[in-house]
């Protein structure tokens, strides 16, 4: 019965490898064929007193128009004359998509770094583009992920699923493969939403999987004489549940007013930003 149990677990691992490999292929196929949304090259963050430029990527329309980090966004115009006040960071993407790739936008901003009384200026964003479809770092991460999966698969077949700790180590390698290879486009829907959730899930469970493996191999440590070792997975589980709840909440079939309130709440408290910070802190610590 014990051998049969390990055999079944081995088959489950192989099935997981197959499914997540197909997911990686679909992710790359979508990246290669899907029309990417336009961007101004600026990362906007919602703060209690407005929308601020947290990062300005060089080479994009925002940087070319002279937008600086720390500038406060006040209003946006599609025609360069009639400005509409913007109160939520998520509204920026709506205007970008209305302008489209190759289109133009005008921003009314406040340069908070200046001490002058008149700090308001207009920035004309010309020839909007999308984010790069392929980046050298993406290919590097894919190679690293394939290496992880190759090591896990080699050890799995070399030692067999019956050997101690092999399934744990192979699962660790599979998690590393996923968060290195999976790369969502930021569309926030359908396949891309699933890729994003799985990517964050793998990133969250990798640290406790690694710590757990180190505590088990080559011999059990004192911590495994009780069930307290399960607590090392608790932060990853909580982060994952919050991530899934936030991600799927935006796809709920609710009326427009309720969805607007939900989006405003998420933006006001920068919940996705806090979630990303918690993922990184959890991974590093």
C-alpha atoms as a PDB file:
ATOM      1  CA  UNK A   1       0.000   0.000   0.000  1.00  0.00           C
ATOM      2  CA  UNK A   2       2.857   2.358   0.839  1.00  0.00           C
ATOM      3  CA  UNK A   3       4.533   1.732  -2.520  1.00  0.00           C
ATOM      4  CA  UNK A   4       1.246   2.244  -4.283  1.00  0.00           C
ATOM      5  CA  UNK A   5       0.740   5.545  -2.462  1.00  0.00           C
ATOM      6  CA  UNK A   6       4.146   6.828  -3.550  1.00  0.00           C
ATOM      7  CA  UNK A   7       3.473   5.644  -7.097  1.00  0.00           C
ATOM      8  CA  UNK A   8       0.216   7.569  -7.158  1.00  0.00           C
ATOM      9  CA  UNK A   9       1.959  10.682  -5.841  1.00  0.00           C
ATOM     10  CA  UNK A  10       4.594  10.293  -8.535  1.00  0.00           C
ATOM     11  CA  UNK A  11       1.912  10.153 -11.214  1.00  0.00           C
ATOM     12  CA  UNK A  12       0.300  13.266  -9.763  1.00  0.00           C
ATOM     13  CA  UNK A  13       3.658  15.067  -9.962  1.00  0.00           C
ATOM     14  CA  UNK A  14       4.125  14.018 -13.594  1.00  0.00           C
ATOM     15  CA  UNK A  15       0.608  15.209 -14.399  1.00  0.00           C
ATOM     16  CA  UNK A  16       1.412  18.528 -12.723  1.00  0.00           C
ATOM     17  CA  UNK A  17       4.558  18.881 -14.832  1.00  0.00           C
ATOM     18  CA  UNK A  18       2.519  18.248 -17.974  1.00  0.00           C
ATOM     19  CA  UNK A  19      -0.241  20.719 -17.063  1.00  0.00           C
ATOM     20  CA  UNK A  20       2.094  23.513 -15.974  1.00  0.00           C
ATOM     21  CA  UNK A  21       4.253  22.990 -19.063  1.00  0.00           C
ATOM     22  CA  UNK A  22       1.153  23.396 -21.227  1.00  0.00           C
ATOM     23  CA  UNK A  23       0.343  26.535 -19.235  1.00  0.00           C
ATOM     24  CA  UNK A  24       3.822  27.898 -19.967  1.00  0.00           C
ATOM     25  CA  UNK A  25       3.332  27.202 -23.684  1.00  0.00           C
ATOM     26  CA  UNK A  26      -0.054  28.967 -23.691  1.00  0.00           C
ATOM     27  CA  UNK A  27       1.480  31.901 -21.806  1.00  0.00           C
ATOM     28  CA  UNK A  28       4.186  32.280 -24.451  1.00  0.00           C
ATOM     29  CA  UNK A  29       1.707  31.815 -27.287  1.00  0.00           C
ATOM     30  CA  UNK A  30      -0.469  34.585 -25.854  1.00  0.00           C
ATOM     31  CA  UNK A  31       2.544  36.854 -25.457  1.00  0.00           C
ATOM     32  CA  UNK A  32       3.533  36.209 -29.078  1.00  0.00           C
ATOM     33  CA  UNK A  33       0.086  36.742 -30.614  1.00  0.00           C
ATOM     34  CA  UNK A  34      -2.045  38.897 -28.304  1.00  0.00           C
ATOM     35  CA  UNK A  35      -2.252  42.628 -28.919  1.00  0.00           C
ATOM     36  CA  UNK A  36      -0.603  44.305 -25.949  1.00  0.00           C
ATOM     37  CA  UNK A  37      -2.346  47.287 -24.316  1.00  0.00           C
ATOM     38  CA  UNK A  38      -0.875  50.784 -24.792  1.00  0.00           C
ATOM     39  CA  UNK A  39       1.197  52.273 -22.006  1.00  0.00           C
ATOM     40  CA  UNK A  40       2.643  55.645 -21.082  1.00  0.00           C
ATOM     41  CA  UNK A  41       5.627  53.958 -19.445  1.00  0.00           C
ATOM     42  CA  UNK A  42       4.671  55.340 -16.037  1.00  0.00           C
ATOM     43  CA  UNK A  43       3.788  53.392 -12.915  1.00  0.00           C
ATOM     44  CA  UNK A  44       1.035  55.365 -11.192  1.00  0.00           C
ATOM     45  CA  UNK A  45       0.243  54.841  -7.518  1.00  0.00           C
ATOM     46  CA  UNK A  46      -2.858  55.888  -5.635  1.00  0.00           C
ATOM     47  CA  UNK A  47      -2.231  57.954  -2.503  1.00  0.00           C
ATOM     48  CA  UNK A  48      -4.712  59.641  -0.144  1.00  0.00           C
ATOM     49  CA  UNK A  49      -4.158  63.026  -1.804  1.00  0.00           C
ATOM     50  CA  UNK A  50      -4.021  61.920  -5.439  1.00  0.00           C
ATOM     51  CA  UNK A  51      -2.255  59.923  -8.151  1.00  0.00           C
ATOM     52  CA  UNK A  52       1.532  60.065  -8.313  1.00  0.00           C
ATOM     53  CA  UNK A  53       4.184  58.831 -10.739  1.00  0.00           C
ATOM     54  CA  UNK A  54       6.164  56.227  -8.809  1.00  0.00           C
ATOM     55  CA  UNK A  55       8.410  55.190 -11.699  1.00  0.00           C
ATOM     56  CA  UNK A  56       8.986  56.564 -15.206  1.00  0.00           C
ATOM     57  CA  UNK A  57      10.430  54.068 -17.685  1.00  0.00           C
ATOM     58  CA  UNK A  58      12.890  55.577 -20.179  1.00  0.00           C
ATOM     59  CA  UNK A  59      12.023  55.554 -23.865  1.00  0.00           C
ATOM     60  CA  UNK A  60       8.243  55.626 -23.466  1.00  0.00           C
ATOM     61  CA  UNK A  61       5.797  58.456 -24.129  1.00  0.00           C
ATOM     62  CA  UNK A  62       5.729  59.624 -20.506  1.00  0.00           C
ATOM     63  CA  UNK A  63       9.497  60.017 -20.288  1.00  0.00           C
ATOM     64  CA  UNK A  64       9.635  61.698 -23.701  1.00  0.00           C
ATOM     65  CA  UNK A  65       6.992  64.191 -22.533  1.00  0.00           C
ATOM     66  CA  UNK A  66       9.088  65.144 -19.510  1.00  0.00           C
ATOM     67  CA  UNK A  67       7.094  63.507 -16.710  1.00  0.00           C
ATOM     68  CA  UNK A  68       9.194  63.068 -13.557  1.00  0.00           C
ATOM     69  CA  UNK A  69       8.932  60.672 -10.637  1.00  0.00           C
ATOM     70  CA  UNK A  70       6.786  62.296  -7.948  1.00  0.00           C
ATOM     71  CA  UNK A  71       4.623  64.301 -10.358  1.00  0.00           C
ATOM     72  CA  UNK A  72       0.945  64.379  -9.415  1.00  0.00           C
ATOM     73  CA  UNK A  73      -1.600  63.609 -12.136  1.00  0.00           C
ATOM     74  CA  UNK A  74      -4.563  65.979 -12.134  1.00  0.00           C
ATOM     75  CA  UNK A  75      -6.405  65.530 -15.433  1.00  0.00           C
ATOM     76  CA  UNK A  76      -6.174  63.851 -18.861  1.00  0.00           C
ATOM     77  CA  UNK A  77      -7.241  65.032 -22.309  1.00  0.00           C
ATOM     78  CA  UNK A  78      -7.738  63.006 -25.469  1.00  0.00           C
ATOM     79  CA  UNK A  79      -7.710  66.053 -27.755  1.00  0.00           C
ATOM     80  CA  UNK A  80      -5.202  68.251 -25.937  1.00  0.00           C
ATOM     81  CA  UNK A  81      -7.831  70.855 -25.030  1.00  0.00           C
ATOM     82  CA  UNK A  82     -10.657  69.412 -22.952  1.00  0.00           C
ATOM     83  CA  UNK A  83      -9.177  67.989 -19.745  1.00  0.00           C
ATOM     84  CA  UNK A  84     -11.099  65.598 -17.505  1.00  0.00           C
ATOM     85  CA  UNK A  85     -10.190  65.221 -13.844  1.00  0.00           C
ATOM     86  CA  UNK A  86      -8.761  61.835 -12.873  1.00  0.00           C
ATOM     87  CA  UNK A  87      -9.266  60.567  -9.331  1.00  0.00           C
ATOM     88  CA  UNK A  88      -8.314  56.887  -9.618  1.00  0.00           C
ATOM     89  CA  UNK A  89      -5.069  55.382 -10.904  1.00  0.00           C
ATOM     90  CA  UNK A  90      -7.032  52.692 -12.739  1.00  0.00           C
ATOM     91  CA  UNK A  91      -8.679  55.393 -14.892  1.00  0.00           C
ATOM     92  CA  UNK A  92      -5.360  56.136 -16.611  1.00  0.00           C
ATOM     93  CA  UNK A  93      -5.445  52.837 -18.493  1.00  0.00           C
ATOM     94  CA  UNK A  94      -8.967  53.623 -19.712  1.00  0.00           C
ATOM     95  CA  UNK A  95      -7.698  56.783 -21.408  1.00  0.00           C
ATOM     96  CA  UNK A  96      -4.654  54.972 -22.774  1.00  0.00           C
ATOM     97  CA  UNK A  97      -6.828  52.331 -24.403  1.00  0.00           C
ATOM     98  CA  UNK A  98      -9.141  55.024 -25.758  1.00  0.00           C
ATOM     99  CA  UNK A  99      -6.148  56.679 -27.436  1.00  0.00           C
ATOM    100  CA  UNK A 100      -4.729  53.353 -28.647  1.00  0.00           C
ATOM    101  CA  UNK A 101      -1.321  52.364 -29.955  1.00  0.00           C
ATOM    102  CA  UNK A 102       0.160  55.284 -31.890  1.00  0.00           C
ATOM    103  CA  UNK A 103      -2.344  57.716 -30.361  1.00  0.00           C
ATOM    104  CA  UNK A 104      -1.767  60.847 -28.304  1.00  0.00           C
ATOM    105  CA  UNK A 105      -2.749  62.002 -24.818  1.00  0.00           C
ATOM    106  CA  UNK A 106      -2.216  65.140 -22.773  1.00  0.00           C
ATOM    107  CA  UNK A 107      -1.659  65.071 -19.021  1.00  0.00           C
ATOM    108  CA  UNK A 108      -2.190  67.958 -16.629  1.00  0.00           C
ATOM    109  CA  UNK A 109       0.277  67.477 -13.792  1.00  0.00           C
ATOM    110  CA  UNK A 110       1.688  69.138 -10.710  1.00  0.00           C
ATOM    111  CA  UNK A 111       5.442  69.030 -10.206  1.00  0.00           C
ATOM    112  CA  UNK A 112       5.539  68.530  -6.456  1.00  0.00           C
ATOM    113  CA  UNK A 113       9.336  68.768  -6.319  1.00  0.00           C
ATOM    114  CA  UNK A 114       9.187  72.478  -7.229  1.00  0.00           C
ATOM    115  CA  UNK A 115       8.746  75.158  -4.587  1.00  0.00           C
ATOM    116  CA  UNK A 116       7.215  77.668  -7.017  1.00  0.00           C
ATOM    117  CA  UNK A 117       3.592  78.699  -6.556  1.00  0.00           C
ATOM    118  CA  UNK A 118       2.740  77.764 -10.153  1.00  0.00           C
ATOM    119  CA  UNK A 119       3.718  74.118 -10.442  1.00  0.00           C
ATOM    120  CA  UNK A 120       1.011  73.001 -12.867  1.00  0.00           C
ATOM    121  CA  UNK A 121       2.091  71.999 -16.359  1.00  0.00           C
ATOM    122  CA  UNK A 122       0.789  70.043 -19.365  1.00  0.00           C
ATOM    123  CA  UNK A 123       2.663  67.090 -20.852  1.00  0.00           C
ATOM    124  CA  UNK A 124       1.809  65.954 -24.382  1.00  0.00           C
ATOM    125  CA  UNK A 125       2.332  62.230 -24.836  1.00  0.00           C
ATOM    126  CA  UNK A 126       2.907  61.445 -28.504  1.00  0.00           C
ATOM    127  CA  UNK A 127       2.850  58.091 -30.289  1.00  0.00           C
ATOM    128  CA  UNK A 128       1.824  55.778 -27.459  1.00  0.00           C
ATOM    129  CA  UNK A 129       3.403  52.331 -27.553  1.00  0.00           C
ATOM    130  CA  UNK A 130       3.002  49.062 -25.671  1.00  0.00           C
ATOM    131  CA  UNK A 131       5.460  47.471 -23.294  1.00  0.00           C
ATOM    132  CA  UNK A 132       8.142  45.338 -24.903  1.00  0.00           C
ATOM    133  CA  UNK A 133       6.766  41.968 -25.930  1.00  0.00           C
ATOM    134  CA  UNK A 134      10.103  40.215 -25.479  1.00  0.00           C
ATOM    135  CA  UNK A 135      12.907  41.262 -23.135  1.00  0.00           C
ATOM    136  CA  UNK A 136      16.333  39.639 -22.653  1.00  0.00           C
ATOM    137  CA  UNK A 137      15.553  39.117 -18.962  1.00  0.00           C
ATOM    138  CA  UNK A 138      12.473  37.103 -19.926  1.00  0.00           C
ATOM    139  CA  UNK A 139      14.526  34.602 -21.937  1.00  0.00           C
ATOM    140  CA  UNK A 140      17.096  34.368 -19.141  1.00  0.00           C
ATOM    141  CA  UNK A 141      14.387  33.555 -16.582  1.00  0.00           C
ATOM    142  CA  UNK A 142      12.926  30.939 -18.925  1.00  0.00           C
ATOM    143  CA  UNK A 143      16.324  29.232 -19.200  1.00  0.00           C
ATOM    144  CA  UNK A 144      16.673  29.261 -15.411  1.00  0.00           C
ATOM    145  CA  UNK A 145      13.172  27.812 -15.033  1.00  0.00           C
ATOM    146  CA  UNK A 146      13.835  25.052 -17.568  1.00  0.00           C
ATOM    147  CA  UNK A 147      17.051  24.219 -15.722  1.00  0.00           C
ATOM    148  CA  UNK A 148      15.118  23.874 -12.456  1.00  0.00           C
ATOM    149  CA  UNK A 149      12.542  21.599 -14.074  1.00  0.00           C
ATOM    150  CA  UNK A 150      15.278  19.583 -15.789  1.00  0.00           C
ATOM    151  CA  UNK A 151      17.042  18.970 -12.480  1.00  0.00           C
ATOM    152  CA  UNK A 152      13.813  17.972 -10.760  1.00  0.00           C
ATOM    153  CA  UNK A 153      12.796  15.631 -13.578  1.00  0.00           C
ATOM    154  CA  UNK A 154      16.258  14.052 -13.784  1.00  0.00           C
ATOM    155  CA  UNK A 155      16.362  13.354 -10.047  1.00  0.00           C
ATOM    156  CA  UNK A 156      12.777  12.059 -10.128  1.00  0.00           C
ATOM    157  CA  UNK A 157      13.519   9.463 -12.811  1.00  0.00           C
ATOM    158  CA  UNK A 158      17.046   8.736 -11.547  1.00  0.00           C
ATOM    159  CA  UNK A 159      16.034   7.959  -7.966  1.00  0.00           C
ATOM    160  CA  UNK A 160      12.388   7.105  -8.501  1.00  0.00           C
ATOM    161  CA  UNK A 161       9.404   8.383  -6.516  1.00  0.00           C
ATOM    162  CA  UNK A 162      10.011   5.721  -3.841  1.00  0.00           C
ATOM    163  CA  UNK A 163      13.274   7.327  -2.690  1.00  0.00           C
ATOM    164  CA  UNK A 164      13.012   9.564   0.402  1.00  0.00           C
ATOM    165  CA  UNK A 165      12.452  13.280  -0.185  1.00  0.00           C
ATOM    166  CA  UNK A 166      12.482  12.919  -3.997  1.00  0.00           C
ATOM    167  CA  UNK A 167       8.891  14.084  -4.480  1.00  0.00           C
ATOM    168  CA  UNK A 168       9.493  17.014  -2.146  1.00  0.00           C
ATOM    169  CA  UNK A 169      12.619  18.062  -4.042  1.00  0.00           C
ATOM    170  CA  UNK A 170      10.920  17.597  -7.422  1.00  0.00           C
ATOM    171  CA  UNK A 171       7.942  19.686  -6.286  1.00  0.00           C
ATOM    172  CA  UNK A 172      10.371  22.389  -5.152  1.00  0.00           C
ATOM    173  CA  UNK A 173      11.930  22.375  -8.636  1.00  0.00           C
ATOM    174  CA  UNK A 174       8.486  22.518 -10.260  1.00  0.00           C
ATOM    175  CA  UNK A 175       7.539  25.593  -8.203  1.00  0.00           C
ATOM    176  CA  UNK A 176      10.799  27.290  -9.251  1.00  0.00           C
ATOM    177  CA  UNK A 177      10.063  26.444 -12.888  1.00  0.00           C
ATOM    178  CA  UNK A 178       6.636  28.063 -12.677  1.00  0.00           C
ATOM    179  CA  UNK A 179       7.592  31.401 -11.134  1.00  0.00           C
ATOM    180  CA  UNK A 180      10.622  31.744 -13.421  1.00  0.00           C
ATOM    181  CA  UNK A 181       8.826  30.875 -16.672  1.00  0.00           C
ATOM    182  CA  UNK A 182       5.302  32.212 -16.145  1.00  0.00           C
ATOM    183  CA  UNK A 183       5.087  35.871 -17.160  1.00  0.00           C
ATOM    184  CA  UNK A 184       1.626  37.503 -17.230  1.00  0.00           C
ATOM    185  CA  UNK A 185       0.977  40.353 -19.634  1.00  0.00           C
ATOM    186  CA  UNK A 186      -0.990  42.375 -17.092  1.00  0.00           C
ATOM    187  CA  UNK A 187      -4.322  42.029 -18.914  1.00  0.00           C
ATOM    188  CA  UNK A 188      -6.060  40.900 -15.721  1.00  0.00           C
ATOM    189  CA  UNK A 189      -8.538  38.582 -17.414  1.00  0.00           C
ATOM    190  CA  UNK A 190      -9.050  35.026 -18.683  1.00  0.00           C
ATOM    191  CA  UNK A 191      -5.815  33.115 -19.357  1.00  0.00           C
ATOM    192  CA  UNK A 192      -3.571  35.968 -18.272  1.00  0.00           C
ATOM    193  CA  UNK A 193      -5.362  36.213 -14.921  1.00  0.00           C
ATOM    194  CA  UNK A 194      -4.858  32.488 -14.352  1.00  0.00           C
ATOM    195  CA  UNK A 195      -1.173  32.753 -15.280  1.00  0.00           C
ATOM    196  CA  UNK A 196      -0.757  35.628 -12.828  1.00  0.00           C
ATOM    197  CA  UNK A 197      -2.417  33.739  -9.949  1.00  0.00           C
ATOM    198  CA  UNK A 198      -0.386  30.560 -10.568  1.00  0.00           C
ATOM    199  CA  UNK A 199       2.823  32.590 -10.882  1.00  0.00           C
ATOM    200  CA  UNK A 200       2.202  34.310  -7.530  1.00  0.00           C
ATOM    201  CA  UNK A 201       1.178  30.992  -5.941  1.00  0.00           C
ATOM    202  CA  UNK A 202       4.446  29.314  -6.960  1.00  0.00           C
ATOM    203  CA  UNK A 203       6.435  32.343  -5.785  1.00  0.00           C
ATOM    204  CA  UNK A 204       4.672  32.203  -2.403  1.00  0.00           C
ATOM    205  CA  UNK A 205       5.075  28.459  -1.739  1.00  0.00           C
ATOM    206  CA  UNK A 206       8.711  28.178  -2.866  1.00  0.00           C
ATOM    207  CA  UNK A 207      10.285  29.587   0.364  1.00  0.00           C
ATOM    208  CA  UNK A 208       8.413  27.259   2.771  1.00  0.00           C
ATOM    209  CA  UNK A 209       8.986  24.308   0.426  1.00  0.00           C
ATOM    210  CA  UNK A 210      12.709  25.063   0.407  1.00  0.00           C
ATOM    211  CA  UNK A 211      12.871  25.576   4.186  1.00  0.00           C
ATOM    212  CA  UNK A 212      10.843  22.425   4.767  1.00  0.00           C
ATOM    213  CA  UNK A 213      13.196  20.427   2.539  1.00  0.00           C
ATOM    214  CA  UNK A 214      16.280  21.774   4.330  1.00  0.00           C
ATOM    215  CA  UNK A 215      14.778  20.764   7.678  1.00  0.00           C
ATOM    216  CA  UNK A 216      13.976  17.265   6.424  1.00  0.00           C
ATOM    217  CA  UNK A 217      17.090  16.402   4.441  1.00  0.00           C
ATOM    218  CA  UNK A 218      19.252  14.466   5.042  1.00  0.00           C
ATOM    219  CA  UNK A 219      17.723  13.729   8.469  1.00  0.00           C
ATOM    220  CA  UNK A 220      14.697  14.993  10.356  1.00  0.00           C
ATOM    221  CA  UNK A 221      15.382  17.814  12.810  1.00  0.00           C
ATOM    222  CA  UNK A 222      13.811  18.425  16.205  1.00  0.00           C
ATOM    223  CA  UNK A 223      11.056  20.548  14.728  1.00  0.00           C
ATOM    224  CA  UNK A 224       9.556  17.495  13.039  1.00  0.00           C
ATOM    225  CA  UNK A 225       8.853  15.737  16.297  1.00  0.00           C
ATOM    226  CA  UNK A 226       5.693  17.826  16.502  1.00  0.00           C
ATOM    227  CA  UNK A 227       3.240  19.164  13.969  1.00  0.00           C
ATOM    228  CA  UNK A 228       4.431  22.744  14.388  1.00  0.00           C
ATOM    229  CA  UNK A 229       6.394  22.528  11.112  1.00  0.00           C
ATOM    230  CA  UNK A 230       3.124  23.068   9.250  1.00  0.00           C
ATOM    231  CA  UNK A 231       3.137  26.678  10.446  1.00  0.00           C
ATOM    232  CA  UNK A 232       5.907  27.530   7.969  1.00  0.00           C
ATOM    233  CA  UNK A 233       3.314  27.214   5.199  1.00  0.00           C
ATOM    234  CA  UNK A 234       0.793  29.518   6.904  1.00  0.00           C
ATOM    235  CA  UNK A 235       2.101  32.870   5.506  1.00  0.00           C
ATOM    236  CA  UNK A 236       2.173  31.462   1.964  1.00  0.00           C
ATOM    237  CA  UNK A 237      -1.377  30.154   2.322  1.00  0.00           C
ATOM    238  CA  UNK A 238      -2.676  33.493   3.648  1.00  0.00           C
ATOM    239  CA  UNK A 239      -0.930  35.508   0.921  1.00  0.00           C
ATOM    240  CA  UNK A 240      -2.264  33.154  -1.754  1.00  0.00           C
ATOM    241  CA  UNK A 241      -5.839  33.318  -0.459  1.00  0.00           C
ATOM    242  CA  UNK A 242      -5.759  37.129  -0.362  1.00  0.00           C
ATOM    243  CA  UNK A 243      -4.263  37.211  -3.858  1.00  0.00           C
ATOM    244  CA  UNK A 244      -6.963  34.931  -5.271  1.00  0.00           C
ATOM    245  CA  UNK A 245      -9.726  36.879  -3.510  1.00  0.00           C
ATOM    246  CA  UNK A 246      -8.490  40.237  -4.838  1.00  0.00           C
ATOM    247  CA  UNK A 247      -7.836  38.954  -8.358  1.00  0.00           C
ATOM    248  CA  UNK A 248     -11.170  37.196  -8.755  1.00  0.00           C
ATOM    249  CA  UNK A 249     -13.185  39.953  -7.063  1.00  0.00           C
ATOM    250  CA  UNK A 250     -12.686  42.186 -10.112  1.00  0.00           C
ATOM    251  CA  UNK A 251     -14.156  39.463 -12.337  1.00  0.00           C
ATOM    252  CA  UNK A 252     -17.337  39.036 -10.287  1.00  0.00           C
ATOM    253  CA  UNK A 253     -20.633  39.559 -12.169  1.00  0.00           C
ATOM    254  CA  UNK A 254     -21.697  42.595 -10.125  1.00  0.00           C
ATOM    255  CA  UNK A 255     -23.281  45.869 -11.211  1.00  0.00           C
ATOM    256  CA  UNK A 256     -21.139  48.777 -12.360  1.00  0.00           C
ATOM    257  CA  UNK A 257     -21.604  50.883  -9.224  1.00  0.00           C
ATOM    258  CA  UNK A 258     -20.539  48.037  -6.926  1.00  0.00           C
ATOM    259  CA  UNK A 259     -17.545  47.246  -9.130  1.00  0.00           C
ATOM    260  CA  UNK A 260     -16.545  50.909  -9.143  1.00  0.00           C
ATOM    261  CA  UNK A 261     -16.672  50.996  -5.333  1.00  0.00           C
ATOM    262  CA  UNK A 262     -14.560  47.836  -5.207  1.00  0.00           C
ATOM    263  CA  UNK A 263     -11.962  49.250  -7.617  1.00  0.00           C
ATOM    264  CA  UNK A 264     -11.830  52.527  -5.697  1.00  0.00           C
ATOM    265  CA  UNK A 265     -11.305  50.635  -2.434  1.00  0.00           C
ATOM    266  CA  UNK A 266      -8.488  48.528  -3.927  1.00  0.00           C
ATOM    267  CA  UNK A 267      -6.810  51.583  -5.445  1.00  0.00           C
ATOM    268  CA  UNK A 268      -7.213  53.794  -2.372  1.00  0.00           C
ATOM    269  CA  UNK A 269      -5.390  51.344  -0.137  1.00  0.00           C
ATOM    270  CA  UNK A 270      -3.057  50.092  -2.901  1.00  0.00           C
ATOM    271  CA  UNK A 271      -3.955  46.503  -2.032  1.00  0.00           C
ATOM    272  CA  UNK A 272      -2.223  44.928  -5.024  1.00  0.00           C
ATOM    273  CA  UNK A 273       0.920  46.932  -4.279  1.00  0.00           C
ATOM    274  CA  UNK A 274       0.866  45.788  -0.657  1.00  0.00           C
ATOM    275  CA  UNK A 275       0.299  42.219  -1.802  1.00  0.00           C
ATOM    276  CA  UNK A 276       3.316  42.351  -4.118  1.00  0.00           C
ATOM    277  CA  UNK A 277       5.434  43.793  -1.309  1.00  0.00           C
ATOM    278  CA  UNK A 278       4.324  41.010   1.032  1.00  0.00           C
ATOM    279  CA  UNK A 279       5.259  38.401  -1.601  1.00  0.00           C
ATOM    280  CA  UNK A 280       8.758  39.835  -1.949  1.00  0.00           C
ATOM    281  CA  UNK A 281       9.257  40.206   1.822  1.00  0.00           C
ATOM    282  CA  UNK A 282       8.023  36.652   2.382  1.00  0.00           C
ATOM    283  CA  UNK A 283      10.396  35.342  -0.298  1.00  0.00           C
ATOM    284  CA  UNK A 284      13.427  37.210   1.046  1.00  0.00           C
ATOM    285  CA  UNK A 285      12.832  36.496   4.725  1.00  0.00           C
END
